[in-house]
């Protein structure tokens, strides 16, 4: 019977530790990342920096779109 209580106490301790760790970690990814300006499909947009490589692979350019003067 003693072994059962010891295993239960260890399980409860593990659950409490995981809960505390989960509460301590930030949940919102956007709060910890910076944004970068890119030109995508003719529009200047701001995207999270971790997505820039995906946009560039889809044809985007890093930096704002170049505006040409109309004549």
N, C-alpha and C. Protein backbone atom coordinates (compact mmCIF):
# COMPACT_ATOMS: atom_id res chain seq x y z
N UNK A 1 0.82 -1.19 0.00
CA UNK A 1 0.00 0.00 0.00
C UNK A 1 0.87 1.26 0.00
N UNK A 2 2.02 1.18 0.66
CA UNK A 2 2.91 2.33 0.73
C UNK A 2 3.41 2.73 -0.67
N UNK A 3 3.66 1.72 -1.51
CA UNK A 3 4.15 1.97 -2.86
C UNK A 3 3.11 2.74 -3.68
N UNK A 4 1.84 2.41 -3.51
CA UNK A 4 0.76 3.10 -4.22
C UNK A 4 0.74 4.59 -3.88
N UNK A 5 0.85 4.92 -2.61
CA UNK A 5 0.83 6.32 -2.20
C UNK A 5 2.05 7.08 -2.72
N UNK A 6 3.19 6.40 -2.74
CA UNK A 6 4.41 7.02 -3.24
C UNK A 6 4.28 7.33 -4.74
N UNK A 7 3.75 6.40 -5.50
CA UNK A 7 3.56 6.62 -6.95
C UNK A 7 2.52 7.71 -7.21
N UNK A 8 1.46 7.75 -6.40
CA UNK A 8 0.45 8.79 -6.54
C UNK A 8 1.04 10.17 -6.24
N UNK A 9 1.85 10.24 -5.19
CA UNK A 9 2.48 11.51 -4.84
C UNK A 9 3.42 11.97 -5.93
N UNK A 10 4.19 11.05 -6.52
CA UNK A 10 5.08 11.40 -7.62
C UNK A 10 4.30 11.88 -8.84
N UNK A 11 3.20 11.22 -9.14
CA UNK A 11 2.38 11.62 -10.29
C UNK A 11 1.78 13.01 -10.08
N UNK A 12 1.27 13.27 -8.89
CA UNK A 12 0.70 14.57 -8.58
C UNK A 12 1.78 15.64 -8.66
N UNK A 13 2.96 15.34 -8.16
CA UNK A 13 4.07 16.30 -8.21
C UNK A 13 4.46 16.61 -9.65
N UNK A 14 4.46 15.59 -10.50
CA UNK A 14 4.79 15.81 -11.91
C UNK A 14 3.75 16.68 -12.59
N UNK A 15 2.49 16.45 -12.30
CA UNK A 15 1.42 17.26 -12.90
C UNK A 15 1.53 18.71 -12.44
N UNK A 16 1.79 18.92 -11.18
CA UNK A 16 1.93 20.27 -10.65
C UNK A 16 3.13 20.97 -11.28
N UNK A 17 4.24 20.26 -11.40
CA UNK A 17 5.44 20.85 -12.00
C UNK A 17 5.19 21.23 -13.46
N UNK A 18 4.53 20.37 -14.22
CA UNK A 18 4.22 20.69 -15.62
C UNK A 18 3.27 21.87 -15.73
N UNK A 19 2.31 21.96 -14.83
CA UNK A 19 1.37 23.08 -14.85
C UNK A 19 2.08 24.39 -14.56
N UNK A 20 2.95 24.39 -13.57
CA UNK A 20 3.69 25.60 -13.22
C UNK A 20 4.60 26.01 -14.37
N UNK A 21 5.29 25.05 -15.00
CA UNK A 21 6.17 25.35 -16.12
C UNK A 21 5.38 25.90 -17.30
N UNK A 22 4.23 25.33 -17.57
CA UNK A 22 3.39 25.80 -18.68
C UNK A 22 2.89 27.21 -18.43
N UNK A 23 2.60 27.57 -17.20
CA UNK A 23 2.13 28.91 -16.88
C UNK A 23 3.28 29.92 -16.97
N UNK A 24 4.50 29.48 -16.74
CA UNK A 24 5.65 30.38 -16.74
C UNK A 24 6.12 30.71 -18.17
N UNK A 25 5.86 29.82 -19.11
CA UNK A 25 6.30 30.05 -20.48
C UNK A 25 5.33 30.97 -21.21
N UNK A 26 5.82 31.86 -22.07
CA UNK A 26 4.91 32.73 -22.82
C UNK A 26 4.10 31.92 -23.82
N UNK A 27 2.83 32.23 -23.94
CA UNK A 27 1.94 31.49 -24.81
C UNK A 27 1.78 32.14 -26.18
N UNK A 28 2.05 33.43 -26.27
CA UNK A 28 1.83 34.16 -27.51
C UNK A 28 3.14 34.29 -28.27
N UNK A 29 3.23 33.67 -29.44
CA UNK A 29 4.46 33.72 -30.24
C UNK A 29 4.71 35.12 -30.77
N UNK A 30 3.66 35.83 -31.11
CA UNK A 30 3.83 37.16 -31.69
C UNK A 30 4.43 38.15 -30.71
N UNK A 31 4.28 37.90 -29.42
CA UNK A 31 4.82 38.81 -28.43
C UNK A 31 6.34 38.73 -28.35
N UNK A 32 6.93 37.64 -28.81
CA UNK A 32 8.36 37.49 -28.69
C UNK A 32 9.10 37.58 -30.01
N UNK A 33 8.42 37.84 -31.11
CA UNK A 33 9.09 37.94 -32.40
C UNK A 33 8.99 39.36 -32.94
N UNK A 34 9.95 39.72 -33.75
CA UNK A 34 9.91 41.03 -34.38
C UNK A 34 9.28 40.88 -35.78
N UNK A 35 8.94 41.99 -36.37
CA UNK A 35 8.36 41.97 -37.71
C UNK A 35 9.33 42.58 -38.71
N UNK A 36 9.12 42.25 -39.97
CA UNK A 36 9.97 42.77 -41.02
C UNK A 36 9.07 43.18 -42.19
N UNK A 37 9.46 44.26 -42.85
CA UNK A 37 8.70 44.78 -43.98
C UNK A 37 9.16 44.09 -45.25
N UNK A 38 8.20 43.59 -46.04
CA UNK A 38 8.51 42.94 -47.31
C UNK A 38 7.55 43.45 -48.38
N UNK A 39 7.92 43.23 -49.62
CA UNK A 39 7.04 43.53 -50.76
C UNK A 39 6.52 42.20 -51.27
N UNK A 40 5.22 41.98 -51.13
CA UNK A 40 4.60 40.71 -51.54
C UNK A 40 3.40 40.99 -52.43
N UNK A 41 3.46 40.50 -53.65
CA UNK A 41 2.40 40.67 -54.64
C UNK A 41 2.05 42.14 -54.86
N UNK A 42 3.08 42.98 -54.90
CA UNK A 42 2.88 44.39 -55.19
C UNK A 42 2.42 45.23 -54.01
N UNK A 43 2.37 44.67 -52.84
CA UNK A 43 1.95 45.41 -51.65
C UNK A 43 3.01 45.32 -50.58
N UNK A 44 3.23 46.43 -49.87
CA UNK A 44 4.15 46.44 -48.75
C UNK A 44 3.42 45.93 -47.52
N UNK A 45 3.94 44.85 -46.95
CA UNK A 45 3.33 44.25 -45.77
C UNK A 45 4.38 44.01 -44.70
N UNK A 46 3.94 43.92 -43.46
CA UNK A 46 4.81 43.62 -42.33
C UNK A 46 4.46 42.22 -41.84
N UNK A 47 5.47 41.34 -41.80
CA UNK A 47 5.24 39.95 -41.40
C UNK A 47 6.21 39.59 -40.27
N UNK A 48 5.88 38.58 -39.47
CA UNK A 48 6.83 38.13 -38.44
C UNK A 48 8.13 37.67 -39.09
N UNK A 49 9.24 37.94 -38.43
CA UNK A 49 10.54 37.65 -39.02
C UNK A 49 10.76 36.17 -39.29
N UNK A 50 10.12 35.30 -38.53
CA UNK A 50 10.32 33.87 -38.77
C UNK A 50 9.61 33.38 -40.04
N UNK A 51 8.72 34.20 -40.62
CA UNK A 51 8.03 33.82 -41.85
C UNK A 51 8.64 34.43 -43.10
N UNK A 52 9.66 35.27 -42.97
CA UNK A 52 10.22 35.98 -44.12
C UNK A 52 10.73 35.00 -45.16
N UNK A 53 11.43 33.95 -44.76
CA UNK A 53 11.98 33.00 -45.73
C UNK A 53 10.88 32.31 -46.54
N UNK A 54 9.75 32.06 -45.93
CA UNK A 54 8.64 31.44 -46.67
C UNK A 54 8.08 32.40 -47.70
N UNK A 55 7.96 33.68 -47.32
CA UNK A 55 7.46 34.67 -48.27
C UNK A 55 8.44 34.87 -49.42
N UNK A 56 9.72 34.92 -49.12
CA UNK A 56 10.74 35.10 -50.16
C UNK A 56 10.72 33.90 -51.11
N UNK A 57 10.51 32.71 -50.60
CA UNK A 57 10.40 31.52 -51.45
C UNK A 57 9.17 31.60 -52.36
N UNK A 58 8.17 32.37 -51.95
CA UNK A 58 6.95 32.54 -52.75
C UNK A 58 7.01 33.76 -53.66
N UNK A 59 8.18 34.41 -53.72
CA UNK A 59 8.33 35.53 -54.65
C UNK A 59 8.39 36.90 -54.01
N UNK A 60 8.39 37.00 -52.72
CA UNK A 60 8.44 38.31 -52.06
C UNK A 60 9.86 38.85 -52.07
N UNK A 61 9.98 40.17 -51.88
CA UNK A 61 11.28 40.83 -51.74
C UNK A 61 11.33 41.48 -50.37
N UNK A 62 12.50 41.45 -49.75
CA UNK A 62 12.68 42.07 -48.44
C UNK A 62 12.78 43.58 -48.67
N UNK A 63 12.03 44.34 -47.90
CA UNK A 63 12.00 45.80 -48.02
C UNK A 63 10.67 46.24 -48.60
N UNK A 64 10.41 47.54 -48.52
CA UNK A 64 9.13 48.05 -49.07
C UNK A 64 9.12 47.99 -50.58
N UNK A 65 7.92 48.00 -51.14
CA UNK A 65 7.76 47.97 -52.60
C UNK A 65 8.26 49.30 -53.19
N UNK A 66 8.86 49.22 -54.38
CA UNK A 66 9.32 50.40 -55.07
C UNK A 66 8.15 51.02 -55.85
N UNK A 67 7.92 52.29 -55.61
CA UNK A 67 6.85 53.01 -56.28
C UNK A 67 7.44 53.74 -57.48
N UNK A 68 6.90 53.46 -58.64
CA UNK A 68 7.37 54.16 -59.84
C UNK A 68 6.45 55.32 -60.14
N UNK A 69 7.01 56.49 -60.47
CA UNK A 69 6.16 57.63 -60.77
C UNK A 69 5.43 57.43 -62.10
N UNK A 70 4.18 57.79 -62.10
CA UNK A 70 3.39 57.66 -63.33
C UNK A 70 3.55 58.93 -64.16
N UNK A 71 3.69 58.74 -65.44
CA UNK A 71 3.88 59.87 -66.36
C UNK A 71 2.62 60.25 -67.08
